[in-house]
Amino acid sequence: NDKVLDPFAGSASVLLAASMISNSVRTVGIEIASDKFLSREKVRQDFSTRGLSQPLGLLIGNSMDSKIREEARKLIGGSEFDAIVCDPPYGIREAMSGSDSGYGGSAALFDLIDAIGRDRHLGTPLLKRGGKLVSFFPCLRGDNIEDLLPSNERLKRAGLLFEFKREQKLNSALSRWVLSFKSS
């Protein structure tokens, strides 16, 4: 009964994939887009059509808000998640967000890592010890991925250890990497 959170759920494709791997997984998604822009009912229908267990929750809100993260924890009985798996938003909108945590998708990932650290230090950890944070991460060709990764200091504050990275080439200009971190 693994518990999986996607803090940038969108249409819940990550949660759908988790349910396809194990129908006993308990999933929760957080998505900032309102029902006006994303039909959570259609997302739930997608799970039903495939005969998969429904997410415990598809929350509307910003995953950087501690109250939304607490609501997500309540859906799994107030405990921590075994895994946080996400494909953070990236693109022009995110690059222009004004966040100083990084550029494009790195800003969302860095903000999430910082939130994991804050929750841990407040005694309400989002991710259990030994749990995994797995995230996609965009990178332009010619960029050095090592220069774009979260700093060791940032990871240490969050109680995370970098495990590995794998590249997926999308086109001649863009790659996305799968990054894995383990909670210590």
Protein backbone atom coordinates (compact mmCIF):
# COMPACT_ATOMS: atom_id res chain seq x y z
CA ASN A 1 0.00 0.00 0.00
CA ASP A 2 2.51 2.61 -1.09
CA LYS A 3 1.40 6.22 -0.75
CA VAL A 4 2.33 8.45 -3.71
CA LEU A 5 1.94 12.22 -4.02
CA ASP A 6 2.13 14.27 -7.21
CA PRO A 7 2.31 17.93 -6.13
CA PHE A 8 1.95 19.16 -9.74
CA ALA A 9 -0.72 16.67 -10.80
CA GLY A 10 -2.23 18.32 -13.87
CA SER A 11 -4.30 15.62 -15.58
CA ALA A 12 -2.91 13.06 -13.08
CA SER A 13 -0.90 11.06 -15.64
CA VAL A 14 1.79 10.32 -13.02
CA LEU A 15 -0.86 9.01 -10.61
CA LEU A 16 -2.45 7.01 -13.42
CA ALA A 17 0.92 5.39 -14.18
CA ALA A 18 1.44 4.59 -10.48
CA SER A 19 -1.98 2.92 -10.35
CA MET A 20 -1.16 0.91 -13.47
CA ILE A 21 2.00 -0.40 -11.82
CA SER A 22 0.20 -1.32 -8.59
CA ASN A 23 -3.55 -1.06 -8.16
CA SER A 24 -3.07 -1.09 -4.37
CA VAL A 25 -1.15 2.21 -4.41
CA ARG A 26 -2.83 5.09 -2.62
CA THR A 27 -2.39 8.31 -4.58
CA VAL A 28 -3.02 11.99 -3.97
CA GLY A 29 -2.62 14.82 -6.46
CA ILE A 30 -2.35 18.56 -5.92
CA GLU A 31 -3.01 20.88 -8.86
CA ILE A 32 -3.23 24.64 -8.82
CA ALA A 33 -5.60 24.83 -11.82
CA SER A 34 -9.26 25.17 -10.90
CA ASP A 35 -12.02 22.92 -12.24
CA LYS A 36 -12.69 25.65 -14.81
CA PHE A 37 -9.41 24.68 -16.52
CA LEU A 38 -9.08 21.02 -15.51
CA SER A 39 -11.98 18.63 -15.10
CA ARG A 40 -11.21 16.47 -12.09
CA GLU A 41 -14.35 14.48 -12.93
CA LYS A 42 -12.85 13.52 -16.31
CA VAL A 43 -9.60 12.59 -14.57
CA ARG A 44 -11.54 10.30 -12.23
CA GLN A 45 -13.43 8.82 -15.21
CA ASP A 46 -10.08 7.96 -16.79
CA PHE A 47 -9.17 5.87 -13.74
CA SER A 48 -12.60 4.20 -13.73
CA THR A 49 -12.52 3.40 -17.45
CA ARG A 50 -9.20 1.61 -16.95
CA GLY A 51 -10.43 -0.25 -13.85
CA LEU A 52 -7.88 1.45 -11.61
CA SER A 53 -8.24 2.58 -8.02
CA GLN A 54 -9.24 6.21 -7.72
CA PRO A 55 -6.89 8.81 -6.24
CA LEU A 56 -7.72 9.48 -2.60
CA GLY A 57 -7.79 13.13 -3.52
CA LEU A 58 -7.27 15.56 -6.38
CA LEU A 59 -6.78 18.73 -4.39
CA ILE A 60 -7.13 22.22 -5.82
CA GLY A 61 -4.34 24.43 -4.54
CA ASN A 62 -0.70 25.37 -4.60
CA SER A 63 1.53 22.56 -3.36
CA MET A 64 3.85 25.18 -1.88
CA ASP A 65 1.08 26.07 0.61
CA SER A 66 1.63 24.16 3.85
CA LYS A 67 -2.14 23.89 4.43
CA ILE A 68 -2.60 22.04 1.11
CA ARG A 69 0.27 19.69 1.94
CA GLU A 70 -1.31 19.03 5.34
CA GLU A 71 -4.64 18.29 3.61
CA ALA A 72 -2.81 15.79 1.38
CA ARG A 73 -1.28 14.09 4.44
CA LYS A 74 -4.72 13.86 6.08
CA LEU A 75 -5.99 11.90 3.07
CA ILE A 76 -3.47 9.15 3.89
CA GLY A 77 -4.19 9.16 7.62
CA GLY A 78 -1.79 11.94 8.60
CA SER A 79 1.35 9.99 7.78
CA GLU A 80 4.15 10.63 5.31
CA PHE A 81 4.21 9.67 1.64
CA ASP A 82 6.44 6.82 0.47
CA ALA A 83 7.15 8.64 -2.77
CA ILE A 84 6.68 12.05 -4.33
CA VAL A 85 6.72 11.68 -8.10
CA CYS A 86 6.24 14.70 -10.31
CA ASP A 87 6.69 16.39 -13.64
CA PRO A 88 6.82 20.03 -12.53
CA PRO A 89 5.50 22.70 -14.84
CA TYR A 90 8.07 24.23 -17.12
CA GLY A 91 7.99 26.62 -19.99
CA ILE A 92 7.63 30.31 -20.66
CA ARG A 93 5.08 30.88 -17.86
CA GLU A 94 7.31 29.29 -15.25
CA ALA A 95 10.50 30.95 -16.55
CA MET A 96 8.79 34.32 -16.11
CA SER A 97 7.34 33.52 -12.67
CA GLY A 98 9.86 35.69 -10.89
CA SER A 99 11.05 32.90 -8.60
CA ASP A 100 14.73 33.17 -7.75
CA SER A 101 14.99 29.44 -7.02
CA GLY A 102 15.98 28.46 -10.53
CA TYR A 103 14.79 28.78 -14.09
CA GLY A 104 11.86 27.13 -15.80
CA GLY A 105 11.00 23.78 -14.21
CA SER A 106 13.91 24.01 -11.82
CA ALA A 107 12.11 26.76 -9.88
CA ALA A 108 9.16 24.45 -9.14
CA LEU A 109 11.44 21.56 -8.14
CA PHE A 110 13.63 23.78 -5.95
CA ASP A 111 10.53 25.26 -4.27
CA LEU A 112 9.24 21.73 -3.62
CA ILE A 113 12.57 20.66 -2.10
CA ASP A 114 12.48 23.73 0.15
CA ALA A 115 8.88 22.89 1.20
CA ILE A 116 9.90 19.30 2.02
CA GLY A 117 12.65 20.73 4.22
CA ARG A 118 10.33 23.17 5.99
CA ASP A 119 7.78 20.43 6.71
CA ARG A 120 10.49 18.12 8.01
CA HIS A 121 11.87 20.78 10.37
CA LEU A 122 8.36 21.55 11.65
CA GLY A 123 7.87 17.88 12.55
CA THR A 124 5.28 17.24 9.82
CA PRO A 125 7.36 15.49 7.16
CA LEU A 126 5.81 15.09 3.73
CA LEU A 127 8.17 12.28 2.74
CA LYS A 128 9.05 9.35 4.98
CA ARG A 129 12.66 8.53 5.78
CA GLY A 130 13.92 6.28 3.02
CA GLY A 131 11.18 7.62 0.72
CA LYS A 132 11.88 8.82 -2.80
CA LEU A 133 11.44 12.14 -4.57
CA VAL A 134 11.47 11.49 -8.32
CA SER A 135 11.11 14.41 -10.69
CA PHE A 136 11.43 15.24 -14.34
CA PHE A 137 13.71 18.21 -14.98
CA PRO A 138 14.01 20.20 -18.23
CA CYS A 139 17.37 21.16 -19.67
CA LEU A 140 18.32 22.94 -22.87
CA ARG A 141 20.97 21.32 -25.05
CA GLY A 142 24.32 22.86 -24.27
CA ASP A 143 23.42 23.43 -20.62
CA ASN A 144 25.44 21.46 -18.11
CA ILE A 145 22.92 19.53 -16.00
CA GLU A 146 25.37 19.51 -13.07
CA ASP A 147 25.19 23.33 -12.93
CA LEU A 148 21.36 23.23 -12.79
CA LEU A 149 20.81 20.63 -10.08
CA PRO A 150 19.80 21.62 -6.54
CA SER A 151 22.82 22.41 -4.39
CA ASN A 152 24.02 19.94 -1.78
CA GLU A 153 23.20 22.58 0.86
CA ARG A 154 19.57 22.82 -0.35
CA LEU A 155 19.25 19.02 -0.40
CA LYS A 156 20.79 18.72 3.07
CA ARG A 157 18.29 21.24 4.51
CA ALA A 158 15.50 19.07 3.09
CA GLY A 159 17.05 15.82 4.33
CA LEU A 160 17.48 14.54 0.78
CA LEU A 161 20.35 12.71 -0.88
CA PHE A 162 20.84 12.78 -4.65
CA GLU A 163 20.67 9.24 -6.09
CA PHE A 164 20.81 9.37 -9.89
CA LYS A 165 19.84 11.15 -13.09
CA ARG A 166 18.87 9.83 -16.54
CA GLU A 167 18.44 11.86 -19.72
CA GLN A 168 15.50 11.68 -22.10
CA LYS A 169 16.23 13.63 -25.30
CA LEU A 170 13.04 15.32 -26.47
CA ASN A 171 14.28 17.13 -29.57
CA SER A 172 17.36 18.87 -30.92
CA ALA A 173 17.04 21.68 -28.36
CA LEU A 174 15.56 20.14 -25.23
CA SER A 175 16.13 17.21 -22.92
CA ARG A 176 14.39 16.29 -19.75
CA TRP A 177 16.10 14.38 -17.03
CA VAL A 178 14.66 12.00 -14.47
CA LEU A 179 16.15 12.87 -11.11
CA SER A 180 15.92 10.66 -8.03
CA PHE A 181 16.49 11.71 -4.42
CA LYS A 182 16.18 9.67 -1.22
CA SER A 183 15.00 11.01 2.13
CA SER A 184 17.56 10.45 4.86
